[in-house]
């Protein structure tokens, strides 16, 4: 028993693998020669911030030919297939990523290009980088950067992420903080974004009162005994309202292929429908005005 114990202690004393040691690195960043714009930018961001943190300059190379020495593999490439054929895992979502060490090589790969980019920013955050605003950031000084001790796998809990204030729409801030909303100034190089149509408070776009109210006031909310054309809502329990709304959304889907989310949302005021059907649903849902909408 004494020999295995001594071997274990000796193994534990070995230095951890390093990306940068005292301001110098032997690693090369590798991307596919056909890498999409966001993965190219991810490699450049990693190169830039590692330089700012440690002073080390990691060259960026394509995978057209074999690259010698330890590698930082960004996204899918021939070199990634050679080093870690099982990464990224096939069940990883498009914005998910893995950070893993295989031998001397660091792997940062996503289910899609946005996921790869997010993996790079997660790696930098773990080194202490923070981007508080478009102008204010914290980049630590670390002459030595160790490789991660354990694999990391992450996927976002929410498909759509958008802090709704002007500064958060900044292109670089949004990418580095992993937001992806419609109003962010994200382009192909920053992974694109999730678009929706139309803007919120869309009831009168779904069932326009100028088109339907004169002939069908019953499509619109009953308030104090009168159907309301302006500053009201829809009668959400009327079957024709549902049919018209579905037809409208189907048309929006055909006309706006860039969007993956479509807004079916109440108008930006009160005026809930007080008809017997709508009130009955509200009562069943604990008195919530949202009951008929849901």
C-alpha atoms as a PDB file:
ATOM      1  CA  UNK A   1       0.000   0.000   0.000  1.00  0.00           C
ATOM      2  CA  UNK A   2       2.949   2.332   0.591  1.00  0.00           C
ATOM      3  CA  UNK A   3       4.019   2.608  -3.055  1.00  0.00           C
ATOM      4  CA  UNK A   4       0.606   3.614  -4.514  1.00  0.00           C
ATOM      5  CA  UNK A   5       0.283   6.220  -1.776  1.00  0.00           C
ATOM      6  CA  UNK A   6       3.637   7.731  -2.647  1.00  0.00           C
ATOM      7  CA  UNK A   7       2.732   7.771  -6.333  1.00  0.00           C
ATOM      8  CA  UNK A   8      -0.534   9.529  -5.571  1.00  0.00           C
ATOM      9  CA  UNK A   9       1.209  12.205  -3.569  1.00  0.00           C
ATOM     10  CA  UNK A  10       3.749  12.696  -6.305  1.00  0.00           C
ATOM     11  CA  UNK A  11       1.036  13.062  -8.940  1.00  0.00           C
ATOM     12  CA  UNK A  12      -0.769  15.623  -6.822  1.00  0.00           C
ATOM     13  CA  UNK A  13       2.393  17.726  -6.664  1.00  0.00           C
ATOM     14  CA  UNK A  14       2.631  18.137 -10.438  1.00  0.00           C
ATOM     15  CA  UNK A  15       1.926  21.695 -11.717  1.00  0.00           C
ATOM     16  CA  UNK A  16      -1.449  22.268 -13.403  1.00  0.00           C
ATOM     17  CA  UNK A  17      -1.508  22.664 -17.168  1.00  0.00           C
ATOM     18  CA  UNK A  18      -1.262  26.280 -18.260  1.00  0.00           C
ATOM     19  CA  UNK A  19      -2.405  28.365 -21.198  1.00  0.00           C
ATOM     20  CA  UNK A  20       0.061  31.121 -20.341  1.00  0.00           C
ATOM     21  CA  UNK A  21       3.104  30.923 -18.076  1.00  0.00           C
ATOM     22  CA  UNK A  22       4.755  34.146 -16.950  1.00  0.00           C
ATOM     23  CA  UNK A  23       3.530  36.086 -19.968  1.00  0.00           C
ATOM     24  CA  UNK A  24       4.417  33.469 -22.573  1.00  0.00           C
ATOM     25  CA  UNK A  25       2.356  30.789 -24.315  1.00  0.00           C
ATOM     26  CA  UNK A  26       3.013  27.955 -26.741  1.00  0.00           C
ATOM     27  CA  UNK A  27      -0.678  27.633 -27.664  1.00  0.00           C
ATOM     28  CA  UNK A  28      -2.142  28.443 -31.065  1.00  0.00           C
ATOM     29  CA  UNK A  29      -5.794  29.384 -31.519  1.00  0.00           C
ATOM     30  CA  UNK A  30      -7.302  27.244 -34.286  1.00  0.00           C
ATOM     31  CA  UNK A  31     -10.552  27.840 -36.157  1.00  0.00           C
ATOM     32  CA  UNK A  32     -12.006  26.194 -39.229  1.00  0.00           C
ATOM     33  CA  UNK A  33     -10.993  27.745 -42.536  1.00  0.00           C
ATOM     34  CA  UNK A  34     -14.747  28.029 -43.155  1.00  0.00           C
ATOM     35  CA  UNK A  35     -15.551  29.349 -39.680  1.00  0.00           C
ATOM     36  CA  UNK A  36     -18.604  31.639 -39.570  1.00  0.00           C
ATOM     37  CA  UNK A  37     -18.074  35.309 -38.661  1.00  0.00           C
ATOM     38  CA  UNK A  38     -18.992  34.905 -34.984  1.00  0.00           C
ATOM     39  CA  UNK A  39     -16.408  32.154 -34.448  1.00  0.00           C
ATOM     40  CA  UNK A  40     -13.728  34.230 -36.173  1.00  0.00           C
ATOM     41  CA  UNK A  41     -14.570  37.127 -33.897  1.00  0.00           C
ATOM     42  CA  UNK A  42     -14.598  34.811 -30.875  1.00  0.00           C
ATOM     43  CA  UNK A  43     -11.025  33.778 -31.694  1.00  0.00           C
ATOM     44  CA  UNK A  44     -10.010  37.429 -32.059  1.00  0.00           C
ATOM     45  CA  UNK A  45     -11.671  38.362 -28.765  1.00  0.00           C
ATOM     46  CA  UNK A  46      -9.873  35.543 -26.969  1.00  0.00           C
ATOM     47  CA  UNK A  47      -6.573  36.604 -28.509  1.00  0.00           C
ATOM     48  CA  UNK A  48      -7.135  40.257 -27.546  1.00  0.00           C
ATOM     49  CA  UNK A  49      -8.146  39.693 -23.955  1.00  0.00           C
ATOM     50  CA  UNK A  50      -5.491  37.052 -23.240  1.00  0.00           C
ATOM     51  CA  UNK A  51      -2.964  39.615 -24.485  1.00  0.00           C
ATOM     52  CA  UNK A  52      -4.425  42.311 -22.226  1.00  0.00           C
ATOM     53  CA  UNK A  53      -4.513  39.972 -19.236  1.00  0.00           C
ATOM     54  CA  UNK A  54      -1.107  38.324 -19.546  1.00  0.00           C
ATOM     55  CA  UNK A  55       0.898  39.970 -22.307  1.00  0.00           C
ATOM     56  CA  UNK A  56       1.004  36.694 -24.255  1.00  0.00           C
ATOM     57  CA  UNK A  57       0.199  36.758 -27.966  1.00  0.00           C
ATOM     58  CA  UNK A  58      -1.621  33.631 -29.156  1.00  0.00           C
ATOM     59  CA  UNK A  59      -1.514  33.328 -32.966  1.00  0.00           C
ATOM     60  CA  UNK A  60      -4.685  32.401 -34.853  1.00  0.00           C
ATOM     61  CA  UNK A  61      -4.489  29.690 -37.511  1.00  0.00           C
ATOM     62  CA  UNK A  62      -6.904  27.911 -39.800  1.00  0.00           C
ATOM     63  CA  UNK A  63      -7.258  24.160 -40.037  1.00  0.00           C
ATOM     64  CA  UNK A  64      -6.192  23.765 -43.661  1.00  0.00           C
ATOM     65  CA  UNK A  65      -3.104  21.955 -42.436  1.00  0.00           C
ATOM     66  CA  UNK A  66      -2.011  20.315 -39.200  1.00  0.00           C
ATOM     67  CA  UNK A  67      -0.968  22.799 -36.522  1.00  0.00           C
ATOM     68  CA  UNK A  68       1.839  21.674 -34.232  1.00  0.00           C
ATOM     69  CA  UNK A  69       1.977  22.197 -30.499  1.00  0.00           C
ATOM     70  CA  UNK A  70      -0.781  22.798 -27.957  1.00  0.00           C
ATOM     71  CA  UNK A  71      -3.992  24.252 -29.374  1.00  0.00           C
ATOM     72  CA  UNK A  72      -6.962  26.366 -28.361  1.00  0.00           C
ATOM     73  CA  UNK A  73      -9.751  24.964 -30.513  1.00  0.00           C
ATOM     74  CA  UNK A  74     -12.559  27.452 -31.150  1.00  0.00           C
ATOM     75  CA  UNK A  75     -15.665  25.890 -32.686  1.00  0.00           C
ATOM     76  CA  UNK A  76     -15.832  22.924 -35.019  1.00  0.00           C
ATOM     77  CA  UNK A  77     -12.757  22.188 -37.130  1.00  0.00           C
ATOM     78  CA  UNK A  78     -10.661  19.335 -38.477  1.00  0.00           C
ATOM     79  CA  UNK A  79      -8.340  19.698 -35.523  1.00  0.00           C
ATOM     80  CA  UNK A  80     -11.259  19.417 -33.109  1.00  0.00           C
ATOM     81  CA  UNK A  81     -12.309  16.150 -34.752  1.00  0.00           C
ATOM     82  CA  UNK A  82      -8.785  14.848 -34.236  1.00  0.00           C
ATOM     83  CA  UNK A  83      -8.431  16.010 -30.632  1.00  0.00           C
ATOM     84  CA  UNK A  84     -11.966  15.552 -29.278  1.00  0.00           C
ATOM     85  CA  UNK A  85     -14.269  13.841 -31.750  1.00  0.00           C
ATOM     86  CA  UNK A  86     -17.140  13.738 -29.234  1.00  0.00           C
ATOM     87  CA  UNK A  87     -17.206  17.516 -28.708  1.00  0.00           C
ATOM     88  CA  UNK A  88     -19.423  19.407 -28.813  1.00  0.00           C
ATOM     89  CA  UNK A  89     -22.037  16.824 -27.752  1.00  0.00           C
ATOM     90  CA  UNK A  90     -24.826  16.330 -30.316  1.00  0.00           C
ATOM     91  CA  UNK A  91     -27.574  17.284 -27.855  1.00  0.00           C
ATOM     92  CA  UNK A  92     -26.070  20.714 -27.180  1.00  0.00           C
ATOM     93  CA  UNK A  93     -28.402  23.574 -28.117  1.00  0.00           C
ATOM     94  CA  UNK A  94     -27.298  26.334 -30.530  1.00  0.00           C
ATOM     95  CA  UNK A  95     -26.421  28.751 -27.713  1.00  0.00           C
ATOM     96  CA  UNK A  96     -24.904  26.123 -25.439  1.00  0.00           C
ATOM     97  CA  UNK A  97     -21.173  25.459 -25.207  1.00  0.00           C
ATOM     98  CA  UNK A  98     -18.519  23.263 -23.670  1.00  0.00           C
ATOM     99  CA  UNK A  99     -15.127  24.251 -22.298  1.00  0.00           C
ATOM    100  CA  UNK A 100     -12.849  21.250 -21.957  1.00  0.00           C
ATOM    101  CA  UNK A 101      -9.196  20.283 -21.753  1.00  0.00           C
ATOM    102  CA  UNK A 102      -7.983  17.311 -23.749  1.00  0.00           C
ATOM    103  CA  UNK A 103      -4.326  16.649 -23.118  1.00  0.00           C
ATOM    104  CA  UNK A 104      -2.519  19.937 -23.741  1.00  0.00           C
ATOM    105  CA  UNK A 105      -5.396  21.338 -25.779  1.00  0.00           C
ATOM    106  CA  UNK A 106      -8.183  23.710 -24.709  1.00  0.00           C
ATOM    107  CA  UNK A 107     -11.546  23.224 -26.440  1.00  0.00           C
ATOM    108  CA  UNK A 108     -14.256  25.912 -26.556  1.00  0.00           C
ATOM    109  CA  UNK A 109     -17.064  24.775 -28.824  1.00  0.00           C
ATOM    110  CA  UNK A 110     -20.760  25.551 -29.065  1.00  0.00           C
ATOM    111  CA  UNK A 111     -23.811  23.932 -30.517  1.00  0.00           C
ATOM    112  CA  UNK A 112     -23.868  26.900 -32.910  1.00  0.00           C
ATOM    113  CA  UNK A 113     -21.647  29.870 -33.629  1.00  0.00           C
ATOM    114  CA  UNK A 114     -23.327  31.994 -30.972  1.00  0.00           C
ATOM    115  CA  UNK A 115     -22.723  29.210 -28.468  1.00  0.00           C
ATOM    116  CA  UNK A 116     -19.015  29.108 -29.332  1.00  0.00           C
ATOM    117  CA  UNK A 117     -18.792  32.870 -28.855  1.00  0.00           C
ATOM    118  CA  UNK A 118     -20.532  32.607 -25.487  1.00  0.00           C
ATOM    119  CA  UNK A 119     -18.074  29.898 -24.455  1.00  0.00           C
ATOM    120  CA  UNK A 120     -15.162  32.259 -25.083  1.00  0.00           C
ATOM    121  CA  UNK A 121     -16.773  34.950 -22.946  1.00  0.00           C
ATOM    122  CA  UNK A 122     -17.470  32.432 -20.172  1.00  0.00           C
ATOM    123  CA  UNK A 123     -13.798  31.437 -20.224  1.00  0.00           C
ATOM    124  CA  UNK A 124     -12.776  35.106 -19.998  1.00  0.00           C
ATOM    125  CA  UNK A 125     -15.252  35.752 -17.194  1.00  0.00           C
ATOM    126  CA  UNK A 126     -13.701  32.900 -15.230  1.00  0.00           C
ATOM    127  CA  UNK A 127     -10.395  34.729 -15.569  1.00  0.00           C
ATOM    128  CA  UNK A 128     -12.014  37.806 -14.009  1.00  0.00           C
ATOM    129  CA  UNK A 129     -13.097  39.853 -17.038  1.00  0.00           C
ATOM    130  CA  UNK A 130     -16.261  41.924 -16.656  1.00  0.00           C
ATOM    131  CA  UNK A 131     -17.962  44.335 -19.058  1.00  0.00           C
ATOM    132  CA  UNK A 132     -20.084  46.638 -16.929  1.00  0.00           C
ATOM    133  CA  UNK A 133     -21.011  49.147 -19.652  1.00  0.00           C
ATOM    134  CA  UNK A 134     -19.959  49.850 -23.227  1.00  0.00           C
ATOM    135  CA  UNK A 135     -17.128  52.019 -21.842  1.00  0.00           C
ATOM    136  CA  UNK A 136     -16.356  50.476 -18.454  1.00  0.00           C
ATOM    137  CA  UNK A 137     -14.736  47.053 -18.148  1.00  0.00           C
ATOM    138  CA  UNK A 138     -12.493  45.170 -15.768  1.00  0.00           C
ATOM    139  CA  UNK A 139      -9.662  43.140 -17.267  1.00  0.00           C
ATOM    140  CA  UNK A 140      -7.363  41.607 -14.636  1.00  0.00           C
ATOM    141  CA  UNK A 141      -3.607  41.324 -14.904  1.00  0.00           C
ATOM    142  CA  UNK A 142      -2.480  37.702 -14.624  1.00  0.00           C
ATOM    143  CA  UNK A 143       0.912  36.722 -15.975  1.00  0.00           C
ATOM    144  CA  UNK A 144      -0.014  33.038 -15.693  1.00  0.00           C
ATOM    145  CA  UNK A 145      -3.317  31.576 -16.891  1.00  0.00           C
ATOM    146  CA  UNK A 146      -4.058  27.958 -15.938  1.00  0.00           C
ATOM    147  CA  UNK A 147      -6.188  25.689 -18.077  1.00  0.00           C
ATOM    148  CA  UNK A 148      -9.550  24.756 -16.538  1.00  0.00           C
ATOM    149  CA  UNK A 149      -9.385  21.892 -14.059  1.00  0.00           C
ATOM    150  CA  UNK A 150     -12.782  20.452 -15.063  1.00  0.00           C
ATOM    151  CA  UNK A 151     -15.052  20.438 -18.094  1.00  0.00           C
ATOM    152  CA  UNK A 152     -17.802  23.055 -18.303  1.00  0.00           C
ATOM    153  CA  UNK A 153     -21.116  22.683 -20.095  1.00  0.00           C
ATOM    154  CA  UNK A 154     -23.679  25.487 -20.155  1.00  0.00           C
ATOM    155  CA  UNK A 155     -26.932  26.254 -21.931  1.00  0.00           C
ATOM    156  CA  UNK A 156     -29.059  29.365 -21.348  1.00  0.00           C
ATOM    157  CA  UNK A 157     -32.166  28.967 -19.216  1.00  0.00           C
ATOM    158  CA  UNK A 158     -34.036  31.529 -21.331  1.00  0.00           C
ATOM    159  CA  UNK A 159     -34.166  31.558 -25.120  1.00  0.00           C
ATOM    160  CA  UNK A 160     -34.624  35.351 -25.277  1.00  0.00           C
ATOM    161  CA  UNK A 161     -32.468  37.682 -23.162  1.00  0.00           C
ATOM    162  CA  UNK A 162     -32.703  41.469 -23.412  1.00  0.00           C
ATOM    163  CA  UNK A 163     -32.147  44.074 -20.694  1.00  0.00           C
ATOM    164  CA  UNK A 164     -34.318  46.853 -22.071  1.00  0.00           C
ATOM    165  CA  UNK A 165     -32.263  50.031 -21.760  1.00  0.00           C
ATOM    166  CA  UNK A 166     -30.307  51.891 -24.417  1.00  0.00           C
ATOM    167  CA  UNK A 167     -26.782  51.100 -23.266  1.00  0.00           C
ATOM    168  CA  UNK A 168     -27.562  47.380 -23.246  1.00  0.00           C
ATOM    169  CA  UNK A 169     -28.229  47.553 -26.995  1.00  0.00           C
ATOM    170  CA  UNK A 170     -24.530  48.258 -27.671  1.00  0.00           C
ATOM    171  CA  UNK A 171     -23.128  45.615 -30.016  1.00  0.00           C
ATOM    172  CA  UNK A 172     -20.048  44.591 -28.057  1.00  0.00           C
ATOM    173  CA  UNK A 173     -21.672  44.856 -24.626  1.00  0.00           C
ATOM    174  CA  UNK A 174     -24.598  42.687 -25.725  1.00  0.00           C
ATOM    175  CA  UNK A 175     -22.341  39.999 -27.197  1.00  0.00           C
ATOM    176  CA  UNK A 176     -19.967  39.915 -24.220  1.00  0.00           C
ATOM    177  CA  UNK A 177     -22.831  39.740 -21.736  1.00  0.00           C
ATOM    178  CA  UNK A 178     -24.612  37.086 -23.811  1.00  0.00           C
ATOM    179  CA  UNK A 179     -27.837  38.927 -24.557  1.00  0.00           C
ATOM    180  CA  UNK A 180     -29.534  38.254 -27.879  1.00  0.00           C
ATOM    181  CA  UNK A 181     -32.612  40.464 -28.065  1.00  0.00           C
ATOM    182  CA  UNK A 182     -34.280  42.169 -30.984  1.00  0.00           C
ATOM    183  CA  UNK A 183     -33.106  45.696 -30.140  1.00  0.00           C
ATOM    184  CA  UNK A 184     -29.425  44.884 -29.612  1.00  0.00           C
ATOM    185  CA  UNK A 185     -27.088  46.059 -32.380  1.00  0.00           C
ATOM    186  CA  UNK A 186     -25.864  42.533 -33.007  1.00  0.00           C
ATOM    187  CA  UNK A 187     -24.682  41.520 -36.472  1.00  0.00           C
ATOM    188  CA  UNK A 188     -23.267  38.396 -38.101  1.00  0.00           C
ATOM    189  CA  UNK A 189     -19.880  38.938 -36.458  1.00  0.00           C
ATOM    190  CA  UNK A 190     -21.506  38.989 -33.030  1.00  0.00           C
ATOM    191  CA  UNK A 191     -23.681  35.953 -33.646  1.00  0.00           C
ATOM    192  CA  UNK A 192     -26.872  37.657 -34.756  1.00  0.00           C
ATOM    193  CA  UNK A 193     -29.947  37.911 -32.574  1.00  0.00           C
ATOM    194  CA  UNK A 194     -33.500  36.734 -32.046  1.00  0.00           C
ATOM    195  CA  UNK A 195     -36.064  38.917 -33.795  1.00  0.00           C
ATOM    196  CA  UNK A 196     -39.739  39.270 -33.046  1.00  0.00           C
ATOM    197  CA  UNK A 197     -42.698  40.880 -34.796  1.00  0.00           C
ATOM    198  CA  UNK A 198     -44.492  43.163 -34.248  1.00  0.00           C
ATOM    199  CA  UNK A 199     -43.650  45.260 -31.224  1.00  0.00           C
ATOM    200  CA  UNK A 200     -45.608  44.639 -28.012  1.00  0.00           C
ATOM    201  CA  UNK A 201     -49.239  45.655 -27.270  1.00  0.00           C
ATOM    202  CA  UNK A 202     -50.447  44.098 -30.494  1.00  0.00           C
ATOM    203  CA  UNK A 203     -54.188  43.490 -29.967  1.00  0.00           C
ATOM    204  CA  UNK A 204     -55.264  46.214 -32.404  1.00  0.00           C
ATOM    205  CA  UNK A 205     -52.832  44.895 -34.999  1.00  0.00           C
ATOM    206  CA  UNK A 206     -54.229  41.401 -34.622  1.00  0.00           C
ATOM    207  CA  UNK A 207     -57.845  42.560 -34.947  1.00  0.00           C
ATOM    208  CA  UNK A 208     -57.828  46.170 -36.235  1.00  0.00           C
ATOM    209  CA  UNK A 209     -60.843  48.175 -34.987  1.00  0.00           C
ATOM    210  CA  UNK A 210     -60.821  50.315 -38.141  1.00  0.00           C
ATOM    211  CA  UNK A 211     -61.486  47.150 -40.120  1.00  0.00           C
ATOM    212  CA  UNK A 212     -63.898  45.296 -37.833  1.00  0.00           C
ATOM    213  CA  UNK A 213     -65.520  47.551 -35.240  1.00  0.00           C
ATOM    214  CA  UNK A 214     -68.320  49.062 -37.307  1.00  0.00           C
ATOM    215  CA  UNK A 215     -69.640  45.667 -38.424  1.00  0.00           C
ATOM    216  CA  UNK A 216     -68.585  43.604 -35.413  1.00  0.00           C
ATOM    217  CA  UNK A 217     -68.335  45.667 -32.218  1.00  0.00           C
ATOM    218  CA  UNK A 218     -68.741  42.397 -30.300  1.00  0.00           C
ATOM    219  CA  UNK A 219     -65.109  41.559 -31.186  1.00  0.00           C
ATOM    220  CA  UNK A 220     -63.948  44.308 -28.830  1.00  0.00           C
ATOM    221  CA  UNK A 221     -64.063  44.741 -25.080  1.00  0.00           C
ATOM    222  CA  UNK A 222     -67.289  45.525 -23.278  1.00  0.00           C
ATOM    223  CA  UNK A 223     -66.618  48.258 -20.693  1.00  0.00           C
ATOM    224  CA  UNK A 224     -69.369  49.759 -18.531  1.00  0.00           C
ATOM    225  CA  UNK A 225     -71.976  48.227 -20.800  1.00  0.00           C
ATOM    226  CA  UNK A 226     -70.520  49.605 -24.075  1.00  0.00           C
ATOM    227  CA  UNK A 227     -68.205  48.094 -26.686  1.00  0.00           C
ATOM    228  CA  UNK A 228     -65.040  50.156 -26.813  1.00  0.00           C
ATOM    229  CA  UNK A 229     -63.375  51.053 -30.120  1.00  0.00           C
ATOM    230  CA  UNK A 230     -60.460  53.023 -28.634  1.00  0.00           C
ATOM    231  CA  UNK A 231     -58.284  52.402 -25.579  1.00  0.00           C
ATOM    232  CA  UNK A 232     -59.788  49.002 -24.950  1.00  0.00           C
ATOM    233  CA  UNK A 233     -58.874  45.361 -25.425  1.00  0.00           C
ATOM    234  CA  UNK A 234     -60.380  42.463 -27.392  1.00  0.00           C
ATOM    235  CA  UNK A 235     -63.196  40.153 -26.381  1.00  0.00           C
ATOM    236  CA  UNK A 236     -60.896  37.191 -25.990  1.00  0.00           C
ATOM    237  CA  UNK A 237     -63.626  34.598 -25.535  1.00  0.00           C
ATOM    238  CA  UNK A 238     -65.301  35.397 -28.866  1.00  0.00           C
ATOM    239  CA  UNK A 239     -64.500  32.530 -31.291  1.00  0.00           C
ATOM    240  CA  UNK A 240     -64.176  34.858 -34.302  1.00  0.00           C
ATOM    241  CA  UNK A 241     -61.563  36.938 -32.497  1.00  0.00           C
ATOM    242  CA  UNK A 242     -59.454  33.805 -32.077  1.00  0.00           C
ATOM    243  CA  UNK A 243     -59.893  32.867 -35.742  1.00  0.00           C
ATOM    244  CA  UNK A 244     -58.933  36.343 -37.001  1.00  0.00           C
ATOM    245  CA  UNK A 245     -55.946  36.501 -34.653  1.00  0.00           C
ATOM    246  CA  UNK A 246     -54.677  33.111 -35.833  1.00  0.00           C
ATOM    247  CA  UNK A 247     -55.030  34.178 -39.478  1.00  0.00           C
ATOM    248  CA  UNK A 248     -53.118  37.384 -38.747  1.00  0.00           C
ATOM    249  CA  UNK A 249     -50.263  35.591 -36.997  1.00  0.00           C
ATOM    250  CA  UNK A 250     -49.993  33.068 -39.834  1.00  0.00           C
ATOM    251  CA  UNK A 251     -49.691  35.968 -42.282  1.00  0.00           C
ATOM    252  CA  UNK A 252     -47.017  37.604 -40.134  1.00  0.00           C
ATOM    253  CA  UNK A 253     -45.052  34.358 -40.080  1.00  0.00           C
ATOM    254  CA  UNK A 254     -45.106  34.211 -43.885  1.00  0.00           C
ATOM    255  CA  UNK A 255     -44.206  37.888 -44.303  1.00  0.00           C
ATOM    256  CA  UNK A 256     -41.444  38.050 -41.667  1.00  0.00           C
ATOM    257  CA  UNK A 257     -39.191  34.982 -41.951  1.00  0.00           C
ATOM    258  CA  UNK A 258     -36.502  36.741 -39.909  1.00  0.00           C
ATOM    259  CA  UNK A 259     -38.703  36.584 -36.800  1.00  0.00           C
ATOM    260  CA  UNK A 260     -38.981  33.537 -34.564  1.00  0.00           C
ATOM    261  CA  UNK A 261     -41.234  35.135 -31.931  1.00  0.00           C
ATOM    262  CA  UNK A 262     -44.579  36.783 -32.674  1.00  0.00           C
ATOM    263  CA  UNK A 263     -46.227  39.177 -30.273  1.00  0.00           C
ATOM    264  CA  UNK A 264     -49.761  38.396 -29.115  1.00  0.00           C
ATOM    265  CA  UNK A 265     -50.042  40.902 -26.285  1.00  0.00           C
ATOM    266  CA  UNK A 266     -52.649  43.112 -24.686  1.00  0.00           C
ATOM    267  CA  UNK A 267     -52.848  46.837 -25.385  1.00  0.00           C
ATOM    268  CA  UNK A 268     -50.959  49.239 -23.145  1.00  0.00           C
ATOM    269  CA  UNK A 269     -53.919  50.353 -21.042  1.00  0.00           C
ATOM    270  CA  UNK A 270     -56.835  48.863 -19.165  1.00  0.00           C
ATOM    271  CA  UNK A 271     -60.300  48.347 -20.644  1.00  0.00           C
ATOM    272  CA  UNK A 272     -60.611  44.602 -20.052  1.00  0.00           C
ATOM    273  CA  UNK A 273     -63.681  42.969 -21.521  1.00  0.00           C
ATOM    274  CA  UNK A 274     -66.495  42.679 -18.981  1.00  0.00           C
ATOM    275  CA  UNK A 275     -68.812  40.385 -20.939  1.00  0.00           C
ATOM    276  CA  UNK A 276     -70.202  37.352 -19.131  1.00  0.00           C
ATOM    277  CA  UNK A 277     -67.899  34.887 -20.924  1.00  0.00           C
ATOM    278  CA  UNK A 278     -64.712  36.820 -20.198  1.00  0.00           C
ATOM    279  CA  UNK A 279     -65.677  37.434 -16.569  1.00  0.00           C
ATOM    280  CA  UNK A 280     -66.410  33.756 -16.101  1.00  0.00           C
ATOM    281  CA  UNK A 281     -62.916  32.824 -17.270  1.00  0.00           C
ATOM    282  CA  UNK A 282     -61.369  35.486 -15.038  1.00  0.00           C
ATOM    283  CA  UNK A 283     -63.209  34.082 -12.033  1.00  0.00           C
ATOM    284  CA  UNK A 284     -62.018  30.570 -12.878  1.00  0.00           C
ATOM    285  CA  UNK A 285     -58.457  31.927 -12.967  1.00  0.00           C
ATOM    286  CA  UNK A 286     -58.651  33.602  -9.573  1.00  0.00           C
ATOM    287  CA  UNK A 287     -59.862  36.979 -10.810  1.00  0.00           C
ATOM    288  CA  UNK A 288     -56.895  37.534 -13.153  1.00  0.00           C
ATOM    289  CA  UNK A 289     -57.470  39.721 -16.224  1.00  0.00           C
ATOM    290  CA  UNK A 290     -54.812  37.595 -17.933  1.00  0.00           C
ATOM    291  CA  UNK A 291     -57.044  34.532 -17.703  1.00  0.00           C
ATOM    292  CA  UNK A 292     -58.870  34.983 -21.038  1.00  0.00           C
ATOM    293  CA  UNK A 293     -55.598  35.777 -22.835  1.00  0.00           C
ATOM    294  CA  UNK A 294     -53.883  32.648 -21.561  1.00  0.00           C
END
